[in-house]
Amino acid sequence: MSARILIVDDEALIRKSLSHGLIRKGYEVETAASGAEARALFAPGEFDLILLDLRLPDTSGIDLLREFKEAQEDILVIMMTAYGTPESAEEATLLGAYDYVNKPFKSREIEVIIRLAIEAGSLKREVKALHEDAASPYSLDNMKSEDPSMLKVFDMVRKVVTTPEVPVLIQGESGTGKEMVARAIHAESDRHDKPFIAINCAAIPDHLMESEFFGHEKGSFTDAKGRKIGLMERGEGGTVFLDEIGEMSLPLQAKLLRVLEERTLRRIGGARDIPLDIRIIAATNRSLEEAIKEGSFREDIYYRLKLINITLPPLRLRRGDILPLARHFIELSNVRFHKQVKGLTEEAARELGEYHWPGNIRELKNTIERILILEETEYIDAEHLPPEIRGREGANLSGMILPQGEEIEGGIDYEAFLTEVGRHLISEALRIAGGNKAKAARLLYMDRGTLRYNIKRMEIEA
């Protein structure tokens, strides 16, 4: 279900331009030109976020903010104004406004702030749910696997939760469940009743990243009309999950190192260090060792994070989990989409079990959800599966002849042979894909980052 947003502004152009852009982003939008219209539309639980002008023809935005917060304490409100003062910004912040933006603003910037606000609201609701339901959906009890490699992961999680200050690095291909494991660490630890802040380091624009991470003080730069608490500080007492940490800029990495080593942070423009009690869990689907060699990732942060290193195997290497996970996702999707699918036919189960799942668990989950949304069926059959799963395009790249017994009597350089096999397979996949690296990666059941790394390492002409 998409987030519902209420825009309260007496300027018709602002209402129209904002609502148009947000609707294109998939949000549901209502607009009000006055305080009276806003009061008529507002009801607790009706909206996820309110964009509220400071000056309205019949009331003050501050007064309206106070009313909304009294009616619904957790409502997210972003104040907008062309006439802001430091005092009004401070008052709005004290009353619980999520942010305070000055007009005119760029649509890209306000959309990022809205997305972050909605994500923050979602995180707060999750924390509340953890309070209300001791059986967390992210507990190890709800993570099922019989695969030995995953059982080792579960065992490591049980050990890690006893040391709630130590950072953790989770590595694995996209879709292997890195965030789920991070949430399990949080849910099983003594921090479970505190915030879990998930930050995608690749999703925040560079010019907003430092302020979003560490916050800023009033007057620290042109548009800093009030104090802003950063995402790191919002995680106080809990866990901060840094997804795609390999995409973090080098200047921000330097500030992160300070957090890791000294357990303090300093807001932009701040004059003092703020003590910080958080656990940092980082995740990446790329080789940080290669990023260090390229000069895009700091070696000192890597070894600081790698103190506890959890590597998640791809789904193709834990085939015994494919069908149990598929049935689990059918059960969840039945509830979510009000369906009554009983399971898989034998043919569908065979196709799912033989597919290599380059998108891993996320791809399997999305496949099941898509089928339940689009199909009216009692059992999922092979005909309901996407073509790439039924046909397994490119699964049998030909041309490689492994040496027979008599061919290795004189010995063979194992590493050199494997490198040559890899070079041949990648070259063949690129040929079949017409040079399209994304398609070649799918043919090899490999993520694009790994493919690009091997093309460079093996000096393959792409």
Protein backbone atom coordinates (compact mmCIF):
# COMPACT_ATOMS: atom_id res chain seq x y z
CA MET A 1 0.00 0.00 0.00
CA SER A 2 1.47 3.39 -1.03
CA ALA A 3 2.02 6.14 1.54
CA ARG A 4 -0.70 8.81 1.87
CA ILE A 5 0.45 12.43 1.97
CA LEU A 6 -1.50 15.60 2.83
CA ILE A 7 -0.20 18.88 1.32
CA VAL A 8 -1.37 22.00 3.20
CA ASP A 9 -0.44 25.23 1.40
CA ASP A 10 -2.40 28.29 0.31
CA GLU A 11 -0.40 28.62 -2.94
CA ALA A 12 -2.14 26.70 -5.73
CA LEU A 13 1.08 26.34 -7.76
CA ILE A 14 2.89 24.72 -4.82
CA ARG A 15 0.01 22.29 -4.22
CA LYS A 16 -0.21 21.38 -7.91
CA SER A 17 3.52 20.91 -8.54
CA LEU A 18 4.11 18.96 -5.33
CA SER A 19 1.10 16.68 -5.77
CA HIS A 20 1.96 16.02 -9.43
CA GLY A 21 5.53 14.99 -8.59
CA LEU A 22 4.52 12.84 -5.62
CA ILE A 23 1.75 11.05 -7.51
CA ARG A 24 4.31 10.17 -10.19
CA LYS A 25 6.41 8.64 -7.41
CA GLY A 26 3.50 6.38 -6.45
CA TYR A 27 2.17 8.26 -3.42
CA GLU A 28 -1.51 8.96 -2.72
CA VAL A 29 -1.98 12.71 -2.28
CA GLU A 30 -4.66 15.01 -0.84
CA THR A 31 -4.35 18.80 -0.78
CA ALA A 32 -5.73 21.61 1.40
CA ALA A 33 -5.52 25.36 0.87
CA SER A 34 -6.28 26.37 4.47
CA GLY A 35 -6.23 25.18 8.04
CA ALA A 36 -9.99 24.54 7.93
CA GLU A 37 -9.66 22.29 4.88
CA ALA A 38 -6.74 20.47 6.49
CA ARG A 39 -8.71 19.84 9.69
CA ALA A 40 -11.62 18.48 7.64
CA LEU A 41 -9.34 16.02 5.83
CA PHE A 42 -7.18 14.99 8.78
CA ALA A 43 -7.99 12.05 11.04
CA PRO A 44 -5.61 9.92 13.13
CA GLY A 45 -4.16 7.17 10.94
CA GLU A 46 -5.48 8.75 7.72
CA PHE A 47 -2.11 10.05 6.46
CA ASP A 48 1.50 8.90 6.69
CA LEU A 49 2.98 12.36 6.23
CA ILE A 50 1.89 16.02 6.10
CA LEU A 51 3.63 18.80 4.17
CA LEU A 52 2.56 21.89 6.11
CA ASP A 53 3.06 25.55 5.20
CA LEU A 54 4.08 27.80 8.08
CA ARG A 55 1.71 30.63 7.06
CA LEU A 56 -1.91 29.90 6.18
CA PRO A 57 -4.75 32.37 5.57
CA ASP A 58 -6.78 31.29 8.60
CA THR A 59 -4.25 29.86 11.06
CA SER A 60 -0.60 29.37 11.86
CA GLY A 61 1.16 26.26 10.63
CA ILE A 62 2.72 25.96 14.09
CA ASP A 63 -0.74 25.84 15.69
CA LEU A 64 -1.86 23.26 13.15
CA LEU A 65 1.27 21.18 13.79
CA ARG A 66 0.47 21.25 17.51
CA GLU A 67 -3.11 20.08 16.85
CA PHE A 68 -2.03 17.24 14.57
CA LYS A 69 0.60 16.06 17.03
CA GLU A 70 -1.89 16.09 19.92
CA ALA A 71 -4.32 14.00 17.84
CA GLN A 72 -1.66 11.61 16.50
CA GLU A 73 1.70 11.71 18.22
CA ASP A 74 3.60 9.76 15.56
CA ILE A 75 2.32 11.71 12.52
CA LEU A 76 5.22 12.84 10.31
CA VAL A 77 5.15 16.57 9.50
CA ILE A 78 7.53 18.51 7.27
CA MET A 79 7.19 22.28 7.65
CA MET A 80 7.53 24.50 4.54
CA THR A 81 8.01 28.25 4.46
CA ALA A 82 9.34 31.18 2.49
CA TYR A 83 9.38 33.37 5.61
CA GLY A 84 11.21 31.20 8.09
CA THR A 85 13.12 32.41 11.11
CA PRO A 86 15.49 30.47 13.37
CA GLU A 87 12.94 30.79 16.15
CA SER A 88 10.09 29.27 14.13
CA ALA A 89 12.34 26.43 12.98
CA GLU A 90 13.35 25.73 16.56
CA GLU A 91 9.72 25.78 17.72
CA ALA A 92 8.62 23.42 14.96
CA THR A 93 11.42 21.01 15.85
CA LEU A 94 10.54 21.08 19.54
CA LEU A 95 6.89 20.34 18.67
CA GLY A 96 8.00 17.22 16.78
CA ALA A 97 8.27 18.30 13.13
CA TYR A 98 10.42 15.81 11.20
CA ASP A 99 12.08 18.54 9.12
CA TYR A 100 11.88 22.20 8.16
CA VAL A 101 12.45 23.23 4.52
CA ASN A 102 12.69 26.64 2.94
CA LYS A 103 10.97 27.69 -0.27
CA PRO A 104 11.87 27.59 -3.05
CA PHE A 105 13.16 24.03 -2.94
CA LYS A 106 14.19 21.57 -5.64
CA SER A 107 11.75 18.72 -6.29
CA ARG A 108 14.56 16.16 -6.03
CA GLU A 109 15.54 17.37 -2.56
CA ILE A 110 12.02 17.44 -1.15
CA GLU A 111 11.33 13.98 -2.58
CA VAL A 112 14.42 12.59 -0.84
CA ILE A 113 13.37 14.20 2.47
CA ILE A 114 9.85 12.76 2.09
CA ARG A 115 11.18 9.29 1.33
CA LEU A 116 13.53 9.39 4.32
CA ALA A 117 10.73 10.66 6.57
CA ILE A 118 8.40 7.85 5.51
CA GLU A 119 11.17 5.29 6.01
CA ALA A 120 11.84 6.74 9.48
CA GLY A 121 8.13 6.50 10.31
CA SER A 122 8.08 2.90 9.16
CA LEU A 123 11.08 2.13 11.37
CA LYS A 124 9.38 3.69 14.39
CA ARG A 125 6.29 1.55 13.78
CA GLU A 126 8.49 -1.54 13.60
CA VAL A 127 10.08 -0.67 16.94
CA LYS A 128 6.61 -0.21 18.43
CA ALA A 129 5.58 -3.58 17.05
CA LEU A 130 8.61 -5.17 18.69
CA HIS A 131 7.44 -3.78 22.02
CA GLU A 132 3.96 -5.16 21.51
CA ASP A 133 4.98 -8.54 20.16
CA ALA A 134 7.86 -10.30 21.84
CA ALA A 135 7.95 -12.89 19.05
CA SER A 136 9.77 -10.70 16.55
CA PRO A 137 9.25 -11.59 12.87
CA TYR A 138 13.00 -11.18 12.50
CA SER A 139 13.96 -13.61 15.26
CA LEU A 140 16.04 -16.66 14.41
CA ASP A 141 13.00 -18.83 15.14
CA ASN A 142 11.40 -17.41 11.99
CA MET A 143 14.46 -17.93 9.78
CA LYS A 144 14.29 -21.48 8.52
CA SER A 145 17.03 -23.42 6.76
CA GLU A 146 18.50 -26.90 6.80
CA ASP A 147 21.55 -25.90 4.78
CA PRO A 148 24.83 -26.36 6.72
CA SER A 149 26.23 -23.02 5.57
CA MET A 150 23.14 -21.16 6.82
CA LEU A 151 23.12 -23.10 10.08
CA LYS A 152 26.66 -21.75 10.61
CA VAL A 153 25.32 -18.23 9.96
CA PHE A 154 22.57 -18.73 12.54
CA ASP A 155 25.14 -20.00 15.04
CA MET A 156 27.31 -16.91 14.45
CA VAL A 157 24.29 -14.63 14.94
CA ARG A 158 23.64 -16.26 18.32
CA LYS A 159 27.23 -15.51 19.34
CA VAL A 160 27.24 -11.97 17.96
CA VAL A 161 24.14 -10.86 19.90
CA THR A 162 26.02 -11.29 23.18
CA THR A 163 28.42 -8.47 22.19
CA PRO A 164 26.04 -5.58 21.36
CA GLU A 165 28.77 -2.97 20.76
CA VAL A 166 30.91 -4.87 18.24
CA PRO A 167 30.39 -3.88 14.56
CA VAL A 168 29.44 -6.55 12.04
CA LEU A 169 30.11 -6.86 8.31
CA ILE A 170 27.67 -8.95 6.26
CA GLN A 171 28.75 -9.91 2.74
CA GLY A 172 26.83 -11.65 0.00
CA GLU A 173 25.23 -11.24 -3.39
CA SER A 174 22.20 -9.02 -3.83
CA GLY A 175 19.05 -10.67 -2.53
CA THR A 176 20.70 -13.17 -0.18
CA GLY A 177 19.03 -11.69 2.91
CA LYS A 178 21.71 -9.41 4.36
CA GLU A 179 19.18 -7.01 5.88
CA MET A 180 17.16 -9.91 7.33
CA VAL A 181 20.27 -11.18 9.12
CA ALA A 182 21.02 -7.65 10.37
CA ARG A 183 17.48 -7.37 11.71
CA ALA A 184 17.81 -10.79 13.35
CA ILE A 185 20.98 -9.64 15.14
CA HIS A 186 19.10 -6.58 16.36
CA ALA A 187 15.97 -8.52 17.34
CA GLU A 188 17.91 -11.13 19.32
CA SER A 189 20.11 -8.61 21.14
CA ASP A 190 19.51 -6.43 24.20
CA ARG A 191 18.94 -3.56 21.76
CA HIS A 192 15.73 -5.10 20.39
CA ASP A 193 13.50 -2.46 22.01
CA LYS A 194 15.49 0.42 20.54
CA PRO A 195 15.50 1.77 16.94
CA PHE A 196 16.73 -0.18 13.94
CA ILE A 197 17.81 2.44 11.39
CA ALA A 198 18.39 1.08 7.87
CA ILE A 199 20.35 3.38 5.55
CA ASN A 200 21.00 2.62 1.88
CA CYS A 201 24.31 4.37 1.24
CA ALA A 202 23.75 4.26 -2.51
CA ALA A 203 20.33 5.96 -2.38
CA ILE A 204 21.15 9.29 -0.72
CA PRO A 205 22.57 12.05 -2.98
CA ASP A 206 26.15 13.01 -2.11
CA HIS A 207 25.29 16.63 -1.23
CA LEU A 208 22.69 15.47 1.32
CA MET A 209 24.55 12.49 2.70
CA GLU A 210 26.60 14.08 5.49
CA SER A 211 23.64 16.05 6.85
CA GLU A 212 21.35 13.00 6.71
CA PHE A 213 23.91 10.80 8.46
CA PHE A 214 25.23 13.15 11.13
CA GLY A 215 22.74 16.01 11.28
CA HIS A 216 23.58 19.71 11.47
CA GLU A 217 23.39 22.70 13.76
CA LYS A 218 21.37 25.82 13.08
CA GLY A 219 23.29 28.22 10.83
CA SER A 220 25.95 25.69 9.82
CA PHE A 221 25.17 26.38 6.13
CA THR A 222 22.81 28.58 4.12
CA ASP A 223 19.62 26.53 4.46
CA ALA A 224 20.29 25.26 7.99
CA LYS A 225 17.53 27.27 9.68
CA GLY A 226 17.27 24.86 12.59
CA ARG A 227 18.99 21.92 14.23
CA LYS A 228 18.62 18.57 12.47
CA ILE A 229 19.16 15.24 14.19
CA GLY A 230 20.90 12.83 11.80
CA LEU A 231 20.06 9.18 11.18
CA MET A 232 23.02 7.98 13.24
CA GLU A 233 21.84 9.93 16.26
CA ARG A 234 18.26 8.74 15.76
CA GLY A 235 19.55 5.20 16.24
CA GLU A 236 20.72 5.95 19.80
CA GLY A 237 20.64 2.80 21.89
CA GLY A 238 19.79 0.63 18.88
CA THR A 239 21.30 -0.58 15.62
CA VAL A 240 22.30 1.33 12.49
CA PHE A 241 22.38 -0.81 9.34
CA LEU A 242 24.56 0.60 6.55
CA ASP A 243 23.54 -1.18 3.36
CA GLU A 244 25.78 -0.89 0.27
CA ILE A 245 28.56 0.56 2.43
CA GLY A 246 30.96 0.23 -0.50
CA GLU A 247 29.14 3.18 -2.11
CA MET A 248 29.87 5.54 0.79
CA SER A 249 32.07 8.53 -0.14
CA LEU A 250 35.59 8.74 1.27
CA PRO A 251 34.93 11.94 3.32
CA LEU A 252 31.95 10.26 4.96
CA GLN A 253 34.02 7.13 5.61
CA ALA A 254 36.44 9.29 7.62
CA LYS A 255 33.60 10.50 9.86
CA LEU A 256 32.27 6.94 10.17
CA LEU A 257 35.70 5.79 11.39
CA ARG A 258 35.46 8.34 14.19
CA VAL A 259 32.09 6.87 15.20
CA LEU A 260 33.52 3.34 15.15
CA GLU A 261 36.66 4.17 17.12
CA GLU A 262 35.50 6.86 19.54
CA ARG A 263 31.75 6.14 19.71
CA THR A 264 31.00 9.82 19.25
CA LEU A 265 29.78 12.04 16.41
CA ARG A 266 29.78 15.73 15.66
CA ARG A 267 26.95 17.39 13.74
CA ILE A 268 27.83 19.67 10.83
CA GLY A 269 28.68 23.02 12.38
CA GLY A 270 28.76 21.49 15.86
CA ALA A 271 31.31 22.51 18.47
CA ARG A 272 31.18 19.40 20.63
CA ASP A 273 31.29 15.63 20.30
CA ILE A 274 28.09 13.78 21.11
CA PRO A 275 28.40 10.35 22.81
CA LEU A 276 26.75 7.66 20.73
CA ASP A 277 25.60 4.22 21.84
CA ILE A 278 24.81 2.27 18.67
CA ARG A 279 25.80 -0.96 17.03
CA ILE A 280 26.83 -0.59 13.39
CA ILE A 281 26.07 -3.43 10.98
CA ALA A 282 27.37 -2.91 7.44
CA ALA A 283 26.52 -4.89 4.33
CA THR A 284 27.92 -5.08 0.82
CA ASN A 285 27.47 -7.13 -2.34
CA ARG A 286 30.79 -6.04 -3.80
CA SER A 287 34.41 -6.87 -3.00
CA LEU A 288 35.65 -4.32 -0.48
CA GLU A 289 39.17 -5.67 -0.99
CA GLU A 290 38.98 -4.59 -4.62
CA ALA A 291 37.48 -1.24 -3.59
CA ILE A 292 40.50 -0.72 -1.30
CA LYS A 293 42.86 -1.45 -4.20
CA GLU A 294 40.94 1.02 -6.37
CA GLY A 295 41.22 3.66 -3.65
CA SER A 296 37.46 4.02 -3.15
CA PHE A 297 37.27 2.39 0.30
CA ARG A 298 39.36 2.90 3.40
CA GLU A 299 41.38 -0.07 4.59
CA ASP A 300 41.15 0.96 8.26
CA ILE A 301 37.33 0.94 8.16
CA TYR A 302 37.31 -2.43 6.38
CA TYR A 303 39.37 -4.14 9.06
CA ARG A 304 37.41 -2.39 11.81
CA LEU A 305 34.14 -3.72 10.38
CA LYS A 306 35.54 -7.15 9.52
CA LEU A 307 36.06 -7.99 13.19
CA ILE A 308 32.84 -10.01 12.87
CA ASN A 309 32.35 -11.10 9.25
CA ILE A 310 29.27 -13.02 8.11
CA THR A 311 29.13 -14.27 4.52
CA LEU A 312 25.76 -15.36 3.13
CA PRO A 313 25.81 -18.06 0.46
CA PRO A 314 23.82 -17.54 -2.74
CA LEU A 315 20.58 -19.49 -3.05
CA ARG A 316 22.00 -21.64 -5.88
CA LEU A 317 24.46 -23.12 -3.37
CA ARG A 318 21.72 -24.05 -0.88
CA ARG A 319 19.26 -25.80 -3.16
CA GLY A 320 17.62 -27.66 -0.31
CA ASP A 321 16.16 -24.34 0.85
CA ILE A 322 14.54 -23.34 -2.48
CA LEU A 323 11.26 -25.26 -2.16
CA PRO A 324 10.76 -24.70 1.60
CA LEU A 325 11.30 -20.96 1.02
CA ALA A 326 8.91 -20.99 -1.95
CA ARG A 327 6.20 -22.62 0.18
CA HIS A 328 6.89 -20.13 2.99
CA PHE A 329 6.45 -17.21 0.56
CA ILE A 330 3.22 -18.76 -0.72
CA GLU A 331 1.85 -18.79 2.85
CA LEU A 332 2.86 -15.17 3.42
CA SER A 333 1.47 -14.05 0.05
CA ASN A 334 -1.82 -15.85 0.67
CA VAL A 335 -2.32 -13.67 3.73
CA ARG A 336 -1.10 -10.49 2.09
CA PHE A 337 -3.10 -10.82 -1.15
CA HIS A 338 -6.10 -12.71 0.24
CA LYS A 339 -5.46 -15.80 -1.87
CA GLN A 340 -5.76 -19.53 -1.15
CA VAL A 341 -2.97 -21.10 -3.18
CA LYS A 342 -2.27 -24.56 -1.74
CA GLY A 343 1.21 -25.09 -3.12
CA LEU A 344 3.28 -26.15 -6.12
CA THR A 345 2.71 -28.80 -8.76
CA GLU A 346 5.48 -31.36 -9.21
CA GLU A 347 6.58 -29.74 -12.48
CA ALA A 348 6.70 -26.24 -10.96
CA ALA A 349 8.68 -27.55 -8.00
CA ARG A 350 11.17 -29.19 -10.37
CA GLU A 351 11.62 -25.98 -12.40
CA LEU A 352 12.11 -23.87 -9.28
CA GLY A 353 14.59 -26.36 -7.87
CA GLU A 354 16.69 -26.43 -11.04
CA TYR A 355 16.80 -22.67 -11.63
CA HIS A 356 19.98 -20.91 -10.48
CA TRP A 357 18.32 -17.81 -8.93
CA PRO A 358 20.77 -15.02 -9.83
CA GLY A 359 18.58 -12.66 -7.77
CA ASN A 360 18.65 -15.10 -4.85
CA ILE A 361 15.94 -15.08 -2.14
CA ARG A 362 14.60 -11.69 -3.23
CA GLU A 363 14.02 -13.01 -6.76
CA LEU A 364 12.26 -16.11 -5.41
CA LYS A 365 10.04 -14.01 -3.15
CA ASN A 366 9.18 -11.59 -5.96
CA THR A 367 8.42 -14.49 -8.31
CA ILE A 368 5.94 -16.05 -5.88
CA GLU A 369 4.30 -12.70 -5.10
CA ARG A 370 3.94 -11.86 -8.81
CA ILE A 371 2.26 -15.20 -9.52
CA LEU A 372 -0.21 -14.81 -6.67
CA ILE A 373 -1.07 -11.28 -7.78
CA LEU A 374 -1.63 -12.16 -11.44
CA GLU A 375 -2.95 -15.73 -11.37
CA GLU A 376 -6.17 -17.25 -10.06
CA THR A 377 -5.08 -20.80 -9.39
CA GLU A 378 -5.24 -23.47 -6.70
CA TYR A 379 -1.68 -24.67 -7.35
CA ILE A 380 1.28 -22.90 -8.96
CA ASP A 381 2.15 -24.80 -12.15
CA ALA A 382 5.17 -24.52 -14.44
CA GLU A 383 3.12 -22.47 -16.92
CA HIS A 384 2.75 -19.75 -14.29
CA LEU A 385 6.52 -19.32 -13.91
CA PRO A 386 8.41 -16.55 -15.76
CA PRO A 387 10.05 -17.60 -19.06
CA GLU A 388 13.59 -17.28 -17.70
CA ILE A 389 12.81 -19.89 -15.04
CA ARG A 390 11.02 -22.29 -17.40
CA GLY A 391 13.65 -22.01 -20.15
CA ARG A 392 16.72 -21.37 -18.00
CA GLU A 393 18.22 -19.36 -20.85
CA GLY A 394 21.95 -19.81 -21.12
CA ALA A 395 22.20 -22.45 -18.41
CA ASN A 396 24.28 -24.69 -20.67
CA LEU A 397 27.08 -22.56 -22.10
CA SER A 398 28.85 -24.95 -24.44
CA GLY A 399 32.40 -25.25 -25.63
CA MET A 400 34.28 -26.26 -22.48
CA ILE A 401 35.78 -29.76 -22.45
CA LEU A 402 37.16 -30.73 -19.07
CA PRO A 403 40.36 -32.81 -19.18
CA GLN A 404 39.93 -36.56 -18.84
CA GLY A 405 42.09 -38.71 -16.60
CA GLU A 406 44.72 -39.44 -19.23
CA GLU A 407 45.06 -35.71 -19.98
CA ILE A 408 46.29 -34.78 -16.49
CA GLU A 409 48.78 -37.62 -15.95
CA GLY A 410 51.63 -35.15 -16.39
CA GLY A 411 50.03 -32.66 -13.98
CA ILE A 412 47.97 -29.52 -14.50
CA ASP A 413 48.08 -26.03 -13.00
CA TYR A 414 44.73 -26.05 -11.20
CA GLU A 415 44.44 -22.29 -10.65
CA ALA A 416 45.53 -21.48 -14.20
CA PHE A 417 43.03 -23.99 -15.58
CA LEU A 418 40.16 -22.54 -13.54
CA THR A 419 41.10 -19.04 -14.69
CA GLU A 420 41.05 -20.21 -18.31
CA VAL A 421 37.65 -21.87 -17.75
CA GLY A 422 36.32 -18.65 -16.28
CA ARG A 423 37.75 -16.57 -19.12
CA HIS A 424 36.13 -18.83 -21.70
CA LEU A 425 32.73 -18.86 -19.98
CA ILE A 426 32.64 -15.08 -19.53
CA SER A 427 33.72 -14.50 -23.13
CA GLU A 428 31.09 -16.94 -24.36
CA ALA A 429 28.39 -15.33 -22.22
CA LEU A 430 29.32 -11.88 -23.53
CA ARG A 431 29.17 -13.21 -27.10
CA ILE A 432 25.70 -14.73 -26.56
CA ALA A 433 24.54 -11.54 -24.83
CA GLY A 434 25.82 -9.34 -27.64
CA GLY A 435 28.16 -7.53 -25.24
CA ASN A 436 25.35 -6.72 -22.78
CA LYS A 437 26.99 -7.17 -19.35
CA ALA A 438 23.70 -7.30 -17.45
CA LYS A 439 22.44 -10.16 -19.64
CA ALA A 440 25.82 -11.91 -19.54
CA ALA A 441 25.74 -11.75 -15.73
CA ARG A 442 22.28 -13.37 -15.74
CA LEU A 443 23.52 -16.13 -18.06
CA LEU A 444 26.33 -16.89 -15.61
CA TYR A 445 24.12 -16.52 -12.51
CA MET A 446 26.51 -13.83 -11.34
CA ASP A 447 25.92 -10.28 -10.12
CA ARG A 448 27.13 -7.48 -12.40
CA GLY A 449 29.77 -6.25 -9.94
CA THR A 450 31.44 -9.68 -9.85
CA LEU A 451 31.28 -9.90 -13.64
CA ARG A 452 32.91 -6.47 -14.09
CA TYR A 453 35.61 -7.44 -11.58
CA ASN A 454 36.41 -10.69 -13.43
CA ILE A 455 36.41 -9.00 -16.84
CA LYS A 456 39.02 -6.57 -15.53
CA ARG A 457 41.03 -9.24 -13.65
CA MET A 458 41.13 -11.65 -16.58
CA GLU A 459 41.70 -8.84 -19.11
CA ILE A 460 38.73 -9.91 -21.22
CA GLU A 461 37.71 -7.70 -24.11
CA ALA A 462 34.10 -6.75 -23.34
